[in-house]
Amino acid sequence: MFCSGCGVAIAPGQGVCSQCGRPVAPAVPPMPGMGFELDIYAGKIKTLSVVWFIYAGLSLLLGIAGLTFAKAFLMGNFSPWSRGWDGNGGPPMWFAPAFLHFVWVMLVMRSALALVAAWGLMERAPWGRIVAIVAAVLSLLKFPFGTALGIWTLVVLLGFRNARLYEQL
């Protein structure tokens, strides 16, 4: 610590500057309630990460169930209601498998992004906030649960105050 008048180094606990006699300014106390506010914010982040884990798991399970049904339907396993894509006025034979593979890759990528976001928030990693914001923006189109989770994530993580609180965790 240094004297604000003459700049001489002041020993801790010294009340007056030995050089110029100026009184030493008292130490500024920490912001009241900051620890309490950090504890509340840490609880919000933990809850958010648990919900992202649940969302990733449910998204993957429901996606697998939907893709299984879609594959059975598109390949003609529901006859007489479906004839399959055998060239009778439908798309070419290669379209259904290619489309299902594309949807499968997108499902796995979306679930993996949600898991990484959940893990980053749980560990309170600096990159976890950014990944969770990206996952939230991408999940806004998944009405209703993805939209709700995306809005909640953006409210909890965006803003100057929330960014500073996350950095202090």
Protein backbone atom coordinates (compact mmCIF):
# COMPACT_ATOMS: atom_id res chain seq x y z
CA MET A 1 0.00 0.00 0.00
CA PHE A 2 1.23 3.52 -0.80
CA CYS A 3 0.49 6.97 0.57
CA SER A 4 -1.97 8.92 -1.57
CA GLY A 5 -0.10 12.18 -0.81
CA CYS A 6 3.59 11.48 -1.31
CA GLY A 7 3.68 7.92 -2.68
CA VAL A 8 5.85 6.38 0.04
CA ALA A 9 5.26 2.71 0.83
CA ILE A 10 3.15 2.23 3.97
CA ALA A 11 3.42 -0.85 6.18
CA PRO A 12 0.21 -2.78 6.86
CA GLY A 13 -1.56 -1.54 10.00
CA GLN A 14 0.19 1.86 9.93
CA GLY A 15 -2.40 4.62 10.48
CA VAL A 16 -0.37 7.65 9.31
CA CYS A 17 2.25 8.15 6.59
CA SER A 18 5.71 8.45 8.16
CA GLN A 19 6.86 10.86 5.41
CA CYS A 20 4.07 13.46 5.17
CA GLY A 21 1.82 12.67 8.16
CA ARG A 22 -1.29 12.12 6.02
CA PRO A 23 -3.80 9.62 7.49
CA VAL A 24 -4.07 6.33 5.63
CA ALA A 25 -7.43 5.74 3.95
CA PRO A 26 -9.31 2.79 5.42
CA ALA A 27 -9.63 -0.32 3.27
CA VAL A 28 -12.79 -0.49 1.24
CA PRO A 29 -15.02 -3.26 2.56
CA PRO A 30 -16.21 -5.85 0.06
CA MET A 31 -19.61 -5.42 -1.52
CA PRO A 32 -22.24 -6.52 1.00
CA GLY A 33 -24.22 -9.56 -0.03
CA MET A 34 -21.90 -10.51 -2.88
CA GLY A 35 -21.22 -13.96 -1.42
CA PHE A 36 -24.95 -14.53 -1.04
CA GLU A 37 -25.56 -13.40 -4.64
CA LEU A 38 -22.82 -15.74 -5.90
CA ASP A 39 -24.35 -18.67 -4.00
CA ILE A 40 -27.76 -18.01 -5.56
CA TYR A 41 -26.23 -17.71 -9.03
CA ALA A 42 -24.22 -20.91 -8.54
CA GLY A 43 -27.46 -22.73 -7.70
CA LYS A 44 -29.08 -21.39 -10.88
CA ILE A 45 -26.12 -22.57 -12.98
CA LYS A 46 -26.20 -26.05 -11.40
CA THR A 47 -29.96 -26.37 -11.99
CA LEU A 48 -29.54 -25.18 -15.57
CA SER A 49 -26.82 -27.76 -16.22
CA VAL A 50 -28.96 -30.59 -14.81
CA VAL A 51 -31.85 -29.56 -17.05
CA TRP A 52 -29.48 -29.51 -20.07
CA PHE A 53 -28.39 -33.07 -19.19
CA ILE A 54 -32.04 -34.18 -19.03
CA TYR A 55 -32.85 -32.38 -22.27
CA ALA A 56 -29.92 -34.03 -24.07
CA GLY A 57 -30.93 -37.51 -22.89
CA LEU A 58 -34.61 -37.09 -23.71
CA SER A 59 -33.81 -35.54 -27.06
CA LEU A 60 -31.61 -38.50 -27.96
CA LEU A 61 -34.10 -41.14 -26.77
CA LEU A 62 -37.11 -39.56 -28.45
CA GLY A 63 -35.09 -38.96 -31.60
CA ILE A 64 -34.05 -42.62 -31.77
CA ALA A 65 -37.67 -43.70 -31.29
CA GLY A 66 -38.85 -41.30 -34.00
CA LEU A 67 -36.14 -42.38 -36.42
CA THR A 68 -36.96 -46.04 -35.84
CA PHE A 69 -40.60 -45.37 -36.65
CA ALA A 70 -39.69 -43.24 -39.68
CA LYS A 71 -37.36 -45.93 -41.04
CA ALA A 72 -40.04 -48.61 -40.66
CA PHE A 73 -42.63 -46.39 -42.34
CA LEU A 74 -40.42 -45.25 -45.20
CA MET A 75 -39.20 -48.76 -45.95
CA GLY A 76 -42.74 -50.09 -46.31
CA ASN A 77 -43.10 -52.11 -43.11
CA PHE A 78 -46.59 -50.74 -42.43
CA SER A 79 -48.36 -52.28 -45.41
CA PRO A 80 -51.18 -51.89 -46.47
CA TRP A 81 -50.88 -48.23 -45.32
CA SER A 82 -47.50 -47.68 -46.89
CA ARG A 83 -46.15 -49.13 -50.10
CA GLY A 84 -42.55 -48.22 -49.48
CA TRP A 85 -40.45 -46.07 -51.73
CA ASP A 86 -40.11 -48.53 -54.54
CA GLY A 87 -40.40 -46.14 -57.47
CA ASN A 88 -44.21 -46.08 -57.74
CA GLY A 89 -44.55 -42.32 -57.96
CA GLY A 90 -42.35 -41.67 -54.93
CA PRO A 91 -38.85 -40.34 -54.50
CA PRO A 92 -35.88 -42.42 -55.69
CA MET A 93 -34.79 -45.43 -53.65
CA TRP A 94 -31.65 -43.77 -52.30
CA PHE A 95 -33.52 -40.77 -50.86
CA ALA A 96 -35.04 -42.38 -47.75
CA PRO A 97 -31.81 -43.92 -46.39
CA ALA A 98 -29.82 -40.76 -47.16
CA PHE A 99 -32.44 -38.59 -45.48
CA LEU A 100 -32.52 -40.85 -42.39
CA HIS A 101 -28.72 -40.80 -42.12
CA PHE A 102 -28.73 -37.01 -42.32
CA VAL A 103 -31.39 -36.76 -39.60
CA TRP A 104 -29.46 -39.26 -37.46
CA VAL A 105 -26.25 -37.19 -37.71
CA MET A 106 -28.15 -34.00 -36.83
CA LEU A 107 -29.77 -35.72 -33.84
CA VAL A 108 -26.44 -36.94 -32.49
CA MET A 109 -24.80 -33.54 -33.03
CA ARG A 110 -27.64 -31.69 -31.27
CA SER A 111 -27.57 -34.10 -28.33
CA ALA A 112 -23.78 -33.91 -28.12
CA LEU A 113 -23.90 -30.12 -28.10
CA ALA A 114 -26.46 -30.20 -25.28
CA LEU A 115 -24.28 -32.64 -23.30
CA VAL A 116 -21.17 -30.49 -23.78
CA ALA A 117 -23.12 -27.40 -22.69
CA ALA A 118 -24.40 -29.23 -19.61
CA TRP A 119 -20.92 -30.48 -18.73
CA GLY A 120 -19.36 -27.03 -19.20
CA LEU A 121 -21.97 -25.41 -16.96
CA MET A 122 -21.62 -28.14 -14.32
CA GLU A 123 -17.84 -27.66 -14.24
CA ARG A 124 -18.25 -23.87 -14.46
CA ALA A 125 -15.71 -23.79 -17.26
CA PRO A 126 -15.19 -20.46 -19.06
CA TRP A 127 -16.07 -22.11 -22.39
CA GLY A 128 -19.19 -23.69 -20.88
CA ARG A 129 -21.07 -20.39 -20.88
CA ILE A 130 -20.35 -19.80 -24.58
CA VAL A 131 -21.30 -23.35 -25.60
CA ALA A 132 -24.51 -23.13 -23.57
CA ILE A 133 -25.44 -19.84 -25.25
CA VAL A 134 -24.85 -21.39 -28.70
CA ALA A 135 -26.90 -24.46 -27.75
CA ALA A 136 -29.67 -22.21 -26.40
CA VAL A 137 -29.88 -20.21 -29.61
CA LEU A 138 -30.01 -23.41 -31.69
CA SER A 139 -32.66 -24.98 -29.45
CA LEU A 140 -35.01 -21.99 -29.70
CA LEU A 141 -36.63 -23.63 -32.74
CA LYS A 142 -37.44 -26.87 -30.86
CA PHE A 143 -40.88 -25.82 -29.62
CA PRO A 144 -41.98 -26.04 -26.75
CA PHE A 145 -39.27 -27.51 -24.50
CA GLY A 146 -36.24 -26.39 -26.49
CA THR A 147 -37.69 -22.89 -26.75
CA ALA A 148 -38.30 -22.70 -23.01
CA LEU A 149 -34.85 -24.06 -22.16
CA GLY A 150 -33.20 -21.73 -24.69
CA ILE A 151 -34.94 -18.65 -23.28
CA TRP A 152 -34.14 -19.66 -19.69
CA THR A 153 -30.48 -20.25 -20.60
CA LEU A 154 -30.17 -16.91 -22.35
CA VAL A 155 -31.78 -15.07 -19.42
CA VAL A 156 -29.44 -16.72 -16.91
CA LEU A 157 -26.21 -16.39 -18.91
CA LEU A 158 -26.47 -13.17 -20.93
CA GLY A 159 -25.86 -9.67 -19.64
CA PHE A 160 -22.94 -7.89 -18.03
CA ARG A 161 -23.93 -8.73 -14.46
CA ASN A 162 -24.44 -12.43 -15.21
CA ALA A 163 -21.15 -12.59 -17.14
CA ARG A 164 -19.28 -11.15 -14.16
CA LEU A 165 -21.02 -13.51 -11.74
CA TYR A 166 -20.15 -16.50 -13.95
CA GLU A 167 -16.50 -15.40 -14.09
CA GLN A 168 -16.37 -15.23 -10.29
CA LEU A 169 -17.75 -18.76 -9.79
